[in-house]
Amino acid sequence: MKTGEFATEDTKGTDKRNHFLIFLCVLCGKLFAFRGIRMQLGLVLGTATATVKHPTFRGERMLVVQLEGTDGKADGEPVLAFDRLGARRGDRVLVTTDGALLQGLLGRTTPGRYSVLGMPD
């Protein structure tokens, strides 16, 4: 396998793990629903860098994440998510659009939208 390629072969163990991750995402979504936190499972495609950026983005790690639907398929275009957990290319992550959480991390004036909330395993 070349650098940057992902394995496409799906085994029974991987299939069970995918179903568990989706279940976990749905369960966490229900637990946090009272607070209005929206979460979605995603796959890290890589990192992004920028020479010119909003002041609240300085020193922050940005990931390119492909969000997934409940069926495990891509859900729209990839998004930029802020990460302080150390996710790497190929990792699965829980991404949230909770503005209050991101403002607490980056500052009240941040225009960022997505942040990594967790790394299910």
PDB file of N, CA and C in Angstrom:
ATOM      1  N   MET A   1       0.832  -1.175   0.000  1.00  0.00           N
ATOM      2  CA  MET A   1       0.000   0.000   0.000  1.00  0.00           C
ATOM      3  C   MET A   1       0.881   1.244   0.000  1.00  0.00           C
ATOM      4  N   LYS A   2       0.579   2.216  -0.857  1.00  0.00           N
ATOM      5  CA  LYS A   2       1.349   3.445  -0.962  1.00  0.00           C
ATOM      6  C   LYS A   2       0.957   4.427   0.139  1.00  0.00           C
ATOM      7  N   THR A   3       1.843   5.373   0.421  1.00  0.00           N
ATOM      8  CA  THR A   3       1.557   6.403   1.413  1.00  0.00           C
ATOM      9  C   THR A   3       0.339   7.205   0.984  1.00  0.00           C
ATOM     10  N   GLY A   4      -0.582   7.426   1.924  1.00  0.00           N
ATOM     11  CA  GLY A   4      -1.777   8.202   1.630  1.00  0.00           C
ATOM     12  C   GLY A   4      -2.954   7.363   1.173  1.00  0.00           C
ATOM     13  N   GLU A   5      -2.742   6.064   0.898  1.00  0.00           N
ATOM     14  CA  GLU A   5      -3.833   5.196   0.491  1.00  0.00           C
ATOM     15  C   GLU A   5      -4.448   4.547   1.721  1.00  0.00           C
ATOM     16  N   PHE A   6      -5.724   4.212   1.622  1.00  0.00           N
ATOM     17  CA  PHE A   6      -6.426   3.551   2.701  1.00  0.00           C
ATOM     18  C   PHE A   6      -6.845   2.161   2.245  1.00  0.00           C
ATOM     19  N   ALA A   7      -6.824   1.226   3.161  1.00  0.00           N
ATOM     20  CA  ALA A   7      -7.273  -0.123   2.840  1.00  0.00           C
ATOM     21  C   ALA A   7      -8.777  -0.091   2.617  1.00  0.00           C
ATOM     22  N   THR A   8      -9.250  -0.746   1.570  1.00  0.00           N
ATOM     23  CA  THR A   8     -10.676  -0.760   1.296  1.00  0.00           C
ATOM     24  C   THR A   8     -11.303  -2.103   1.628  1.00  0.00           C
ATOM     25  N   GLU A   9     -10.484  -3.090   1.937  1.00  0.00           N
ATOM     26  CA  GLU A   9     -10.997  -4.408   2.265  1.00  0.00           C
ATOM     27  C   GLU A   9     -11.695  -4.362   3.615  1.00  0.00           C
ATOM     28  N   ASP A  10     -12.913  -4.886   3.695  1.00  0.00           N
ATOM     29  CA  ASP A  10     -13.683  -4.844   4.926  1.00  0.00           C
ATOM     30  C   ASP A  10     -13.854  -6.274   5.443  1.00  0.00           C
ATOM     31  N   THR A  11     -13.470  -6.503   6.673  1.00  0.00           N
ATOM     32  CA  THR A  11     -13.612  -7.817   7.274  1.00  0.00           C
ATOM     33  C   THR A  11     -14.757  -7.776   8.264  1.00  0.00           C
ATOM     34  N   LYS A  12     -15.151  -8.972   8.767  1.00  0.00           N
ATOM     35  CA  LYS A  12     -16.253  -9.027   9.723  1.00  0.00           C
ATOM     36  C   LYS A  12     -15.928  -8.240  10.983  1.00  0.00           C
ATOM     37  N   GLY A  13     -14.688  -8.321  11.473  1.00  0.00           N
ATOM     38  CA  GLY A  13     -14.294  -7.594  12.672  1.00  0.00           C
ATOM     39  C   GLY A  13     -14.382  -6.090  12.475  1.00  0.00           C
ATOM     40  N   THR A  14     -13.939  -5.638  11.311  1.00  0.00           N
ATOM     41  CA  THR A  14     -13.992  -4.214  11.007  1.00  0.00           C
ATOM     42  C   THR A  14     -15.436  -3.756  10.884  1.00  0.00           C
ATOM     43  N   ASP A  15     -16.276  -4.592  10.266  1.00  0.00           N
ATOM     44  CA  ASP A  15     -17.683  -4.266  10.099  1.00  0.00           C
ATOM     45  C   ASP A  15     -18.360  -4.128  11.466  1.00  0.00           C
ATOM     46  N   LYS A  16     -18.073  -5.042  12.392  1.00  0.00           N
ATOM     47  CA  LYS A  16     -18.643  -4.968  13.742  1.00  0.00           C
ATOM     48  C   LYS A  16     -18.163  -3.707  14.448  1.00  0.00           C
ATOM     49  N   ARG A  17     -16.884  -3.370  14.266  1.00  0.00           N
ATOM     50  CA  ARG A  17     -16.337  -2.169  14.893  1.00  0.00           C
ATOM     51  C   ARG A  17     -17.018  -0.925  14.343  1.00  0.00           C
ATOM     52  N   ASN A  18     -17.250  -0.879  13.033  1.00  0.00           N
ATOM     53  CA  ASN A  18     -17.937   0.270  12.435  1.00  0.00           C
ATOM     54  C   ASN A  18     -19.341   0.425  13.009  1.00  0.00           C
ATOM     55  N   HIS A  19     -20.050  -0.686  13.160  1.00  0.00           N
ATOM     56  CA  HIS A  19     -21.394  -0.630  13.731  1.00  0.00           C
ATOM     57  C   HIS A  19     -21.350  -0.140  15.172  1.00  0.00           C
ATOM     58  N   PHE A  20     -20.334  -0.581  15.935  1.00  0.00           N
ATOM     59  CA  PHE A  20     -20.202  -0.137  17.316  1.00  0.00           C
ATOM     60  C   PHE A  20     -19.908   1.359  17.376  1.00  0.00           C
ATOM     61  N   LEU A  21     -19.032   1.855  16.496  1.00  0.00           N
ATOM     62  CA  LEU A  21     -18.709   3.280  16.481  1.00  0.00           C
ATOM     63  C   LEU A  21     -19.937   4.118  16.151  1.00  0.00           C
ATOM     64  N   ILE A  22     -20.744   3.651  15.212  1.00  0.00           N
ATOM     65  CA  ILE A  22     -21.975   4.361  14.870  1.00  0.00           C
ATOM     66  C   ILE A  22     -22.923   4.351  16.061  1.00  0.00           C
ATOM     67  N   PHE A  23     -23.053   3.195  16.735  1.00  0.00           N
ATOM     68  CA  PHE A  23     -23.891   3.092  17.925  1.00  0.00           C
ATOM     69  C   PHE A  23     -23.408   4.065  18.995  1.00  0.00           C
ATOM     70  N   LEU A  24     -22.082   4.113  19.213  1.00  0.00           N
ATOM     71  CA  LEU A  24     -21.503   4.999  20.215  1.00  0.00           C
ATOM     72  C   LEU A  24     -21.803   6.459  19.883  1.00  0.00           C
ATOM     73  N   CYS A  25     -21.686   6.813  18.628  1.00  0.00           N
ATOM     74  CA  CYS A  25     -21.954   8.181  18.202  1.00  0.00           C
ATOM     75  C   CYS A  25     -23.423   8.541  18.446  1.00  0.00           C
ATOM     76  N   VAL A  26     -24.322   7.626  18.115  1.00  0.00           N
ATOM     77  CA  VAL A  26     -25.752   7.863  18.332  1.00  0.00           C
ATOM     78  C   VAL A  26     -26.050   7.969  19.820  1.00  0.00           C
ATOM     79  N   LEU A  27     -25.470   7.072  20.629  1.00  0.00           N
ATOM     80  CA  LEU A  27     -25.681   7.093  22.072  1.00  0.00           C
ATOM     81  C   LEU A  27     -25.185   8.402  22.681  1.00  0.00           C
ATOM     82  N   CYS A  28     -23.968   8.805  22.320  1.00  0.00           N
ATOM     83  CA  CYS A  28     -23.418  10.069  22.840  1.00  0.00           C
ATOM     84  C   CYS A  28     -24.270  11.243  22.392  1.00  0.00           C
ATOM     85  N   GLY A  29     -24.754  11.182  21.165  1.00  0.00           N
ATOM     86  CA  GLY A  29     -25.619  12.251  20.668  1.00  0.00           C
ATOM     87  C   GLY A  29     -26.893  12.375  21.486  1.00  0.00           C
ATOM     88  N   LYS A  30     -27.461  11.237  21.902  1.00  0.00           N
ATOM     89  CA  LYS A  30     -28.667  11.264  22.730  1.00  0.00           C
ATOM     90  C   LYS A  30     -28.349  11.768  24.132  1.00  0.00           C
ATOM     91  N   LEU A  31     -27.203  11.370  24.672  1.00  0.00           N
ATOM     92  CA  LEU A  31     -26.835  11.805  26.011  1.00  0.00           C
ATOM     93  C   LEU A  31     -26.612  13.303  26.079  1.00  0.00           C
ATOM     94  N   PHE A  32     -26.053  13.890  25.006  1.00  0.00           N
ATOM     95  CA  PHE A  32     -25.756  15.308  25.002  1.00  0.00           C
ATOM     96  C   PHE A  32     -26.843  16.143  24.338  1.00  0.00           C
ATOM     97  N   ALA A  33     -27.928  15.505  23.915  1.00  0.00           N
ATOM     98  CA  ALA A  33     -28.983  16.226  23.209  1.00  0.00           C
ATOM     99  C   ALA A  33     -29.600  17.325  24.067  1.00  0.00           C
ATOM    100  N   PHE A  34     -29.667  17.111  25.363  1.00  0.00           N
ATOM    101  CA  PHE A  34     -30.259  18.122  26.240  1.00  0.00           C
ATOM    102  C   PHE A  34     -29.472  19.426  26.199  1.00  0.00           C
ATOM    103  N   ARG A  35     -28.210  19.360  25.880  1.00  0.00           N
ATOM    104  CA  ARG A  35     -27.370  20.558  25.801  1.00  0.00           C
ATOM    105  C   ARG A  35     -27.272  21.103  24.386  1.00  0.00           C
ATOM    106  N   GLY A  36     -27.799  20.374  23.436  1.00  0.00           N
ATOM    107  CA  GLY A  36     -27.771  20.829  22.054  1.00  0.00           C
ATOM    108  C   GLY A  36     -26.457  20.563  21.347  1.00  0.00           C
ATOM    109  N   ILE A  37     -25.614  19.682  21.890  1.00  0.00           N
ATOM    110  CA  ILE A  37     -24.345  19.365  21.255  1.00  0.00           C
ATOM    111  C   ILE A  37     -24.606  18.400  20.102  1.00  0.00           C
ATOM    112  N   ARG A  38     -24.169  18.773  18.912  1.00  0.00           N
ATOM    113  CA  ARG A  38     -24.314  17.914  17.744  1.00  0.00           C
ATOM    114  C   ARG A  38     -22.973  17.280  17.444  1.00  0.00           C
ATOM    115  N   MET A  39     -22.987  15.963  17.246  1.00  0.00           N
ATOM    116  CA  MET A  39     -21.753  15.237  16.968  1.00  0.00           C
ATOM    117  C   MET A  39     -21.935  14.382  15.730  1.00  0.00           C
ATOM    118  N   GLN A  40     -20.812  14.098  15.086  1.00  0.00           N
ATOM    119  CA  GLN A  40     -20.834  13.245  13.911  1.00  0.00           C
ATOM    120  C   GLN A  40     -19.497  12.526  13.810  1.00  0.00           C
ATOM    121  N   LEU A  41     -19.550  11.291  13.383  1.00  0.00           N
ATOM    122  CA  LEU A  41     -18.344  10.504  13.187  1.00  0.00           C
ATOM    123  C   LEU A  41     -17.668  10.934  11.894  1.00  0.00           C
ATOM    124  N   GLY A  42     -16.332  10.963  11.903  1.00  0.00           N
ATOM    125  CA  GLY A  42     -15.601  11.364  10.707  1.00  0.00           C
ATOM    126  C   GLY A  42     -14.274  10.640  10.597  1.00  0.00           C
ATOM    127  N   LEU A  43     -13.687  10.693   9.429  1.00  0.00           N
ATOM    128  CA  LEU A  43     -12.399  10.074   9.147  1.00  0.00           C
ATOM    129  C   LEU A  43     -11.399  11.173   8.813  1.00  0.00           C
ATOM    130  N   VAL A  44     -10.248  11.167   9.496  1.00  0.00           N
ATOM    131  CA  VAL A  44      -9.223  12.182   9.264  1.00  0.00           C
ATOM    132  C   VAL A  44      -8.505  11.867   7.948  1.00  0.00           C
ATOM    133  N   LEU A  45      -8.547  12.821   7.020  1.00  0.00           N
ATOM    134  CA  LEU A  45      -7.883  12.664   5.726  1.00  0.00           C
ATOM    135  C   LEU A  45      -6.469  13.232   5.742  1.00  0.00           C
ATOM    136  N   GLY A  46      -6.221  14.177   6.646  1.00  0.00           N
ATOM    137  CA  GLY A  46      -4.903  14.799   6.730  1.00  0.00           C
ATOM    138  C   GLY A  46      -4.963  16.073   7.544  1.00  0.00           C
ATOM    139  N   THR A  47      -3.905  16.873   7.459  1.00  0.00           N
ATOM    140  CA  THR A  47      -3.856  18.143   8.175  1.00  0.00           C
ATOM    141  C   THR A  47      -3.865  19.292   7.189  1.00  0.00           C
ATOM    142  N   ALA A  48      -4.165  20.485   7.700  1.00  0.00           N
ATOM    143  CA  ALA A  48      -4.168  21.687   6.863  1.00  0.00           C
ATOM    144  C   ALA A  48      -3.291  22.740   7.520  1.00  0.00           C
ATOM    145  N   THR A  49      -2.593  23.501   6.705  1.00  0.00           N
ATOM    146  CA  THR A  49      -1.792  24.613   7.212  1.00  0.00           C
ATOM    147  C   THR A  49      -2.178  25.870   6.443  1.00  0.00           C
ATOM    148  N   ALA A  50      -1.990  26.997   7.100  1.00  0.00           N
ATOM    149  CA  ALA A  50      -2.305  28.270   6.458  1.00  0.00           C
ATOM    150  C   ALA A  50      -1.308  29.315   6.936  1.00  0.00           C
ATOM    151  N   THR A  51      -0.804  30.118   6.015  1.00  0.00           N
ATOM    152  CA  THR A  51       0.138  31.172   6.394  1.00  0.00           C
ATOM    153  C   THR A  51      -0.601  32.413   6.869  1.00  0.00           C
ATOM    154  N   VAL A  52      -1.816  32.614   6.371  1.00  0.00           N
ATOM    155  CA  VAL A  52      -2.642  33.733   6.809  1.00  0.00           C
ATOM    156  C   VAL A  52      -3.907  33.137   7.414  1.00  0.00           C
ATOM    157  N   LYS A  53      -4.190  33.488   8.675  1.00  0.00           N
ATOM    158  CA  LYS A  53      -5.360  32.928   9.336  1.00  0.00           C
ATOM    159  C   LYS A  53      -5.855  33.857  10.430  1.00  0.00           C
ATOM    160  N   HIS A  54      -7.038  33.585  10.905  1.00  0.00           N
ATOM    161  CA  HIS A  54      -7.638  34.357  11.989  1.00  0.00           C
ATOM    162  C   HIS A  54      -6.739  34.255  13.225  1.00  0.00           C
ATOM    163  N   PRO A  55      -6.599  35.317  13.998  1.00  0.00           N
ATOM    164  CA  PRO A  55      -5.717  35.283  15.173  1.00  0.00           C
ATOM    165  C   PRO A  55      -6.022  34.148  16.160  1.00  0.00           C
ATOM    166  N   THR A  56      -7.275  33.741  16.268  1.00  0.00           N
ATOM    167  CA  THR A  56      -7.604  32.656  17.211  1.00  0.00           C
ATOM    168  C   THR A  56      -7.144  31.288  16.706  1.00  0.00           C
ATOM    169  N   PHE A  57      -6.753  31.189  15.442  1.00  0.00           N
ATOM    170  CA  PHE A  57      -6.300  29.914  14.879  1.00  0.00           C
ATOM    171  C   PHE A  57      -4.800  29.690  15.063  1.00  0.00           C
ATOM    172  N   ARG A  58      -4.068  30.707  15.496  1.00  0.00           N
ATOM    173  CA  ARG A  58      -2.609  30.596  15.622  1.00  0.00           C
ATOM    174  C   ARG A  58      -2.241  29.519  16.632  1.00  0.00           C
ATOM    175  N   GLY A  59      -1.345  28.635  16.230  1.00  0.00           N
ATOM    176  CA  GLY A  59      -0.875  27.574  17.101  1.00  0.00           C
ATOM    177  C   GLY A  59      -1.825  26.397  17.220  1.00  0.00           C
ATOM    178  N   GLU A  60      -2.943  26.444  16.533  1.00  0.00           N
ATOM    179  CA  GLU A  60      -3.925  25.362  16.604  1.00  0.00           C
ATOM    180  C   GLU A  60      -3.705  24.367  15.467  1.00  0.00           C
ATOM    181  N   ARG A  61      -4.019  23.126  15.721  1.00  0.00           N
ATOM    182  CA  ARG A  61      -3.882  22.059  14.738  1.00  0.00           C
ATOM    183  C   ARG A  61      -5.203  21.895  14.005  1.00  0.00           C
ATOM    184  N   MET A  62      -5.147  21.976  12.679  1.00  0.00           N
ATOM    185  CA  MET A  62      -6.357  21.835  11.864  1.00  0.00           C
ATOM    186  C   MET A  62      -6.289  20.532  11.074  1.00  0.00           C
ATOM    187  N   LEU A  63      -7.380  19.791  11.122  1.00  0.00           N
ATOM    188  CA  LEU A  63      -7.481  18.525  10.396  1.00  0.00           C
ATOM    189  C   LEU A  63      -8.500  18.649   9.269  1.00  0.00           C
ATOM    190  N   VAL A  64      -8.250  17.918   8.195  1.00  0.00           N
ATOM    191  CA  VAL A  64      -9.235  17.766   7.133  1.00  0.00           C
ATOM    192  C   VAL A  64      -9.980  16.469   7.456  1.00  0.00           C
ATOM    193  N   VAL A  65     -11.282  16.591   7.729  1.00  0.00           N
ATOM    194  CA  VAL A  65     -12.085  15.446   8.176  1.00  0.00           C
ATOM    195  C   VAL A  65     -13.244  15.221   7.223  1.00  0.00           C
ATOM    196  N   GLN A  66     -13.414  13.973   6.795  1.00  0.00           N
ATOM    197  CA  GLN A  66     -14.566  13.596   5.984  1.00  0.00           C
ATOM    198  C   GLN A  66     -15.634  13.074   6.935  1.00  0.00           C
ATOM    199  N   LEU A  67     -16.726  13.827   7.091  1.00  0.00           N
ATOM    200  CA  LEU A  67     -17.816  13.396   7.952  1.00  0.00           C
ATOM    201  C   LEU A  67     -18.525  12.214   7.318  1.00  0.00           C
ATOM    202  N   GLU A  68     -19.053  11.327   8.178  1.00  0.00           N
ATOM    203  CA  GLU A  68     -19.740  10.126   7.701  1.00  0.00           C
ATOM    204  C   GLU A  68     -21.169  10.111   8.205  1.00  0.00           C
ATOM    205  N   GLY A  69     -22.057   9.573   7.380  1.00  0.00           N
ATOM    206  CA  GLY A  69     -23.445   9.392   7.771  1.00  0.00           C
ATOM    207  C   GLY A  69     -23.595   8.123   8.592  1.00  0.00           C
ATOM    208  N   THR A  70     -24.814   7.813   9.006  1.00  0.00           N
ATOM    209  CA  THR A  70     -25.063   6.614   9.817  1.00  0.00           C
ATOM    210  C   THR A  70     -24.778   5.332   9.034  1.00  0.00           C
ATOM    211  N   ASP A  71     -24.751   5.426   7.709  1.00  0.00           N
ATOM    212  CA  ASP A  71     -24.452   4.251   6.886  1.00  0.00           C
ATOM    213  C   ASP A  71     -22.946   4.076   6.652  1.00  0.00           C
ATOM    214  N   GLY A  72     -22.126   4.979   7.205  1.00  0.00           N
ATOM    215  CA  GLY A  72     -20.680   4.885   7.057  1.00  0.00           C
ATOM    216  C   GLY A  72     -20.146   5.509   5.785  1.00  0.00           C
ATOM    217  N   LYS A  73     -21.038   6.054   4.964  1.00  0.00           N
ATOM    218  CA  LYS A  73     -20.619   6.681   3.709  1.00  0.00           C
ATOM    219  C   LYS A  73     -20.353   8.163   3.933  1.00  0.00           C
ATOM    220  N   ALA A  74     -19.588   8.757   3.028  1.00  0.00           N
ATOM    221  CA  ALA A  74     -19.250  10.178   3.129  1.00  0.00           C
ATOM    222  C   ALA A  74     -20.510  11.033   3.168  1.00  0.00           C
ATOM    223  N   ASP A  75     -20.487  12.041   4.044  1.00  0.00           N
ATOM    224  CA  ASP A  75     -21.617  12.948   4.203  1.00  0.00           C
ATOM    225  C   ASP A  75     -21.157  14.351   3.824  1.00  0.00           C
ATOM    226  N   GLY A  76     -21.267  14.694   2.558  1.00  0.00           N
ATOM    227  CA  GLY A  76     -20.871  16.014   2.089  1.00  0.00           C
ATOM    228  C   GLY A  76     -19.383  16.125   1.825  1.00  0.00           C
ATOM    229  N   GLU A  77     -18.927  17.353   1.719  1.00  0.00           N
ATOM    230  CA  GLU A  77     -17.521  17.649   1.470  1.00  0.00           C
ATOM    231  C   GLU A  77     -16.721  17.575   2.768  1.00  0.00           C
ATOM    232  N   PRO A  78     -15.408  17.308   2.691  1.00  0.00           N
ATOM    233  CA  PRO A  78     -14.580  17.329   3.908  1.00  0.00           C
ATOM    234  C   PRO A  78     -14.610  18.714   4.563  1.00  0.00           C
ATOM    235  N   VAL A  79     -14.410  18.731   5.887  1.00  0.00           N
ATOM    236  CA  VAL A  79     -14.433  19.972   6.665  1.00  0.00           C
ATOM    237  C   VAL A  79     -13.112  20.146   7.406  1.00  0.00           C
ATOM    238  N   LEU A  80     -12.845  21.366   7.866  1.00  0.00           N
ATOM    239  CA  LEU A  80     -11.686  21.638   8.719  1.00  0.00           C
ATOM    240  C   LEU A  80     -12.146  21.580  10.164  1.00  0.00           C
ATOM    241  N   ALA A  81     -11.453  20.786  10.968  1.00  0.00           N
ATOM    242  CA  ALA A  81     -11.789  20.655  12.383  1.00  0.00           C
ATOM    243  C   ALA A  81     -10.548  20.928  13.221  1.00  0.00           C
ATOM    244  N   PHE A  82     -10.734  21.595  14.340  1.00  0.00           N
ATOM    245  CA  PHE A  82      -9.628  21.885  15.254  1.00  0.00           C
ATOM    246  C   PHE A  82      -9.427  20.701  16.178  1.00  0.00           C
ATOM    247  N   ASP A  83      -8.159  20.338  16.384  1.00  0.00           N
ATOM    248  CA  ASP A  83      -7.837  19.130  17.138  1.00  0.00           C
ATOM    249  C   ASP A  83      -6.784  19.406  18.193  1.00  0.00           C
ATOM    250  N   ARG A  84      -7.078  19.026  19.427  1.00  0.00           N
ATOM    251  CA  ARG A  84      -6.095  19.093  20.499  1.00  0.00           C
ATOM    252  C   ARG A  84      -5.861  17.707  21.096  1.00  0.00           C
ATOM    253  N   LEU A  85      -6.381  16.676  20.419  1.00  0.00           N
ATOM    254  CA  LEU A  85      -6.251  15.310  20.924  1.00  0.00           C
ATOM    255  C   LEU A  85      -5.163  14.507  20.212  1.00  0.00           C
ATOM    256  N   GLY A  86      -4.632  15.029  19.120  1.00  0.00           N
ATOM    257  CA  GLY A  86      -3.554  14.351  18.416  1.00  0.00           C
ATOM    258  C   GLY A  86      -3.992  13.307  17.413  1.00  0.00           C
ATOM    259  N   ALA A  87      -5.158  13.494  16.796  1.00  0.00           N
ATOM    260  CA  ALA A  87      -5.631  12.552  15.780  1.00  0.00           C
ATOM    261  C   ALA A  87      -4.706  12.602  14.564  1.00  0.00           C
ATOM    262  N   ARG A  88      -4.561  11.449  13.902  1.00  0.00           N
ATOM    263  CA  ARG A  88      -3.692  11.351  12.728  1.00  0.00           C
ATOM    264  C   ARG A  88      -4.492  10.879  11.518  1.00  0.00           C
ATOM    265  N   ARG A  89      -3.862  10.933  10.356  1.00  0.00           N
ATOM    266  CA  ARG A  89      -4.497  10.481   9.123  1.00  0.00           C
ATOM    267  C   ARG A  89      -4.980   9.038   9.294  1.00  0.00           C
ATOM    268  N   GLY A  90      -6.227   8.806   8.914  1.00  0.00           N
ATOM    269  CA  GLY A  90      -6.807   7.475   9.002  1.00  0.00           C
ATOM    270  C   GLY A  90      -7.552   7.212  10.299  1.00  0.00           C
ATOM    271  N   ASP A  91      -7.429   8.088  11.302  1.00  0.00           N
ATOM    272  CA  ASP A  91      -8.133   7.911  12.576  1.00  0.00           C
ATOM    273  C   ASP A  91      -9.600   8.288  12.437  1.00  0.00           C
ATOM    274  N   ARG A  92     -10.427   7.628  13.217  1.00  0.00           N
ATOM    275  CA  ARG A  92     -11.824   8.004  13.329  1.00  0.00           C
ATOM    276  C   ARG A  92     -11.945   8.995  14.476  1.00  0.00           C
ATOM    277  N   VAL A  93     -12.762  10.011  14.304  1.00  0.00           N
ATOM    278  CA  VAL A  93     -12.942  11.032  15.331  1.00  0.00           C
ATOM    279  C   VAL A  93     -14.423  11.386  15.464  1.00  0.00           C
ATOM    280  N   LEU A  94     -14.795  11.848  16.653  1.00  0.00           N
ATOM    281  CA  LEU A  94     -16.116  12.432  16.869  1.00  0.00           C
ATOM    282  C   LEU A  94     -15.937  13.939  16.733  1.00  0.00           C
ATOM    283  N   VAL A  95     -16.679  14.529  15.818  1.00  0.00           N
ATOM    284  CA  VAL A  95     -16.578  15.955  15.546  1.00  0.00           C
ATOM    285  C   VAL A  95     -17.864  16.619  16.018  1.00  0.00           C
ATOM    286  N   THR A  96     -17.718  17.797  16.631  1.00  0.00           N
ATOM    287  CA  THR A  96     -18.879  18.543  17.091  1.00  0.00           C
ATOM    288  C   THR A  96     -18.914  19.926  16.448  1.00  0.00           C
ATOM    289  N   THR A  97     -20.114  20.465  16.331  1.00  0.00           N
ATOM    290  CA  THR A  97     -20.292  21.826  15.836  1.00  0.00           C
ATOM    291  C   THR A  97     -20.735  22.736  16.980  1.00  0.00           C
ATOM    292  N   ASP A  98     -20.478  22.313  18.214  1.00  0.00           N
ATOM    293  CA  ASP A  98     -20.866  23.093  19.384  1.00  0.00           C
ATOM    294  C   ASP A  98     -20.029  24.365  19.454  1.00  0.00           C
ATOM    295  N   GLY A  99     -20.638  25.495  19.124  1.00  0.00           N
ATOM    296  CA  GLY A  99     -19.925  26.768  19.087  1.00  0.00           C
ATOM    297  C   GLY A  99     -19.378  27.192  20.443  1.00  0.00           C
ATOM    298  N   ALA A 100     -20.134  26.918  21.514  1.00  0.00           N
ATOM    299  CA  ALA A 100     -19.681  27.303  22.851  1.00  0.00           C
ATOM    300  C   ALA A 100     -18.407  26.555  23.236  1.00  0.00           C
ATOM    301  N   LEU A 101     -18.321  25.286  22.868  1.00  0.00           N
ATOM    302  CA  LEU A 101     -17.128  24.493  23.159  1.00  0.00           C
ATOM    303  C   LEU A 101     -15.914  25.074  22.427  1.00  0.00           C
ATOM    304  N   LEU A 102     -16.069  25.359  21.152  1.00  0.00           N
ATOM    305  CA  LEU A 102     -14.951  25.897  20.367  1.00  0.00           C
ATOM    306  C   LEU A 102     -14.567  27.301  20.835  1.00  0.00           C
ATOM    307  N   GLN A 103     -15.549  28.107  21.199  1.00  0.00           N
ATOM    308  CA  GLN A 103     -15.241  29.440  21.716  1.00  0.00           C
ATOM    309  C   GLN A 103     -14.500  29.349  23.045  1.00  0.00           C
ATOM    310  N   GLY A 104     -14.816  28.343  23.848  1.00  0.00           N
ATOM    311  CA  GLY A 104     -14.107  28.144  25.103  1.00  0.00           C
ATOM    312  C   GLY A 104     -12.652  27.765  24.875  1.00  0.00           C
ATOM    313  N   LEU A 105     -12.386  27.043  23.785  1.00  0.00           N
ATOM    314  CA  LEU A 105     -11.022  26.626  23.467  1.00  0.00           C
ATOM    315  C   LEU A 105     -10.216  27.717  22.769  1.00  0.00           C
ATOM    316  N   LEU A 106     -10.831  28.387  21.796  1.00  0.00           N
ATOM    317  CA  LEU A 106     -10.087  29.301  20.929  1.00  0.00           C
ATOM    318  C   LEU A 106     -10.333  30.779  21.205  1.00  0.00           C
ATOM    319  N   GLY A 107     -11.369  31.102  21.921  1.00  0.00           N
ATOM    320  CA  GLY A 107     -11.695  32.508  22.174  1.00  0.00           C
ATOM    321  C   GLY A 107     -13.056  32.868  21.621  1.00  0.00           C
ATOM    322  N   ARG A 108     -13.632  33.870  22.201  1.00  0.00           N
ATOM    323  CA  ARG A 108     -15.012  34.248  21.884  1.00  0.00           C
ATOM    324  C   ARG A 108     -15.209  34.707  20.440  1.00  0.00           C
ATOM    325  N   THR A 109     -14.180  35.232  19.820  1.00  0.00           N
ATOM    326  CA  THR A 109     -14.317  35.794  18.471  1.00  0.00           C
ATOM    327  C   THR A 109     -13.963  34.814  17.355  1.00  0.00           C
ATOM    328  N   THR A 110     -13.726  33.554  17.686  1.00  0.00           N
ATOM    329  CA  THR A 110     -13.293  32.605  16.660  1.00  0.00           C
ATOM    330  C   THR A 110     -14.390  32.334  15.622  1.00  0.00           C
ATOM    331  N   PRO A 111     -14.031  32.306  14.343  1.00  0.00           N
ATOM    332  CA  PRO A 111     -14.999  31.954  13.307  1.00  0.00           C
ATOM    333  C   PRO A 111     -15.030  30.443  13.039  1.00  0.00           C
ATOM    334  N   GLY A 112     -14.254  29.656  13.785  1.00  0.00           N
ATOM    335  CA  GLY A 112     -14.215  28.207  13.579  1.00  0.00           C
ATOM    336  C   GLY A 112     -15.550  27.559  13.878  1.00  0.00           C
ATOM    337  N   ARG A 113     -15.800  26.427  13.238  1.00  0.00           N
ATOM    338  CA  ARG A 113     -17.077  25.740  13.421  1.00  0.00           C
ATOM    339  C   ARG A 113     -16.927  24.339  13.983  1.00  0.00           C
ATOM    340  N   TYR A 114     -15.979  23.549  13.487  1.00  0.00           N
ATOM    341  CA  TYR A 114     -15.855  22.150  13.867  1.00  0.00           C
ATOM    342  C   TYR A 114     -14.676  21.930  14.812  1.00  0.00           C
ATOM    343  N   SER A 115     -14.850  21.034  15.767  1.00  0.00           N
ATOM    344  CA  SER A 115     -13.738  20.640  16.641  1.00  0.00           C
ATOM    345  C   SER A 115     -13.856  19.160  16.956  1.00  0.00           C
ATOM    346  N   VAL A 116     -12.692  18.535  17.207  1.00  0.00           N
ATOM    347  CA  VAL A 116     -12.653  17.114  17.555  1.00  0.00           C
ATOM    348  C   VAL A 116     -13.005  16.986  19.025  1.00  0.00           C
ATOM    349  N   LEU A 117     -14.053  16.227  19.311  1.00  0.00           N
ATOM    350  CA  LEU A 117     -14.534  16.030  20.666  1.00  0.00           C
ATOM    351  C   LEU A 117     -13.972  14.754  21.277  1.00  0.00           C
ATOM    352  N   GLY A 118     -13.699  13.754  20.434  1.00  0.00           N
ATOM    353  CA  GLY A 118     -13.190  12.495  20.943  1.00  0.00           C
ATOM    354  C   GLY A 118     -12.662  11.621  19.830  1.00  0.00           C
ATOM    355  N   MET A 119     -11.965  10.562  20.255  1.00  0.00           N
ATOM    356  CA  MET A 119     -11.416   9.585  19.311  1.00  0.00           C
ATOM    357  C   MET A 119     -11.882   8.199  19.740  1.00  0.00           C
ATOM    358  N   PRO A 120     -13.007   7.733  19.195  1.00  0.00           N
ATOM    359  CA  PRO A 120     -13.511   6.412  19.578  1.00  0.00           C
ATOM    360  C   PRO A 120     -12.563   5.317  19.136  1.00  0.00           C
ATOM    361  N   ASP A 121     -12.455   4.270  19.960  1.00  0.00           N
ATOM    362  CA  ASP A 121     -11.557   3.186  19.595  1.00  0.00           C
ATOM    363  C   ASP A 121     -12.177   1.855  19.899  1.00  0.00           C
TER     364      ASP A 121
END
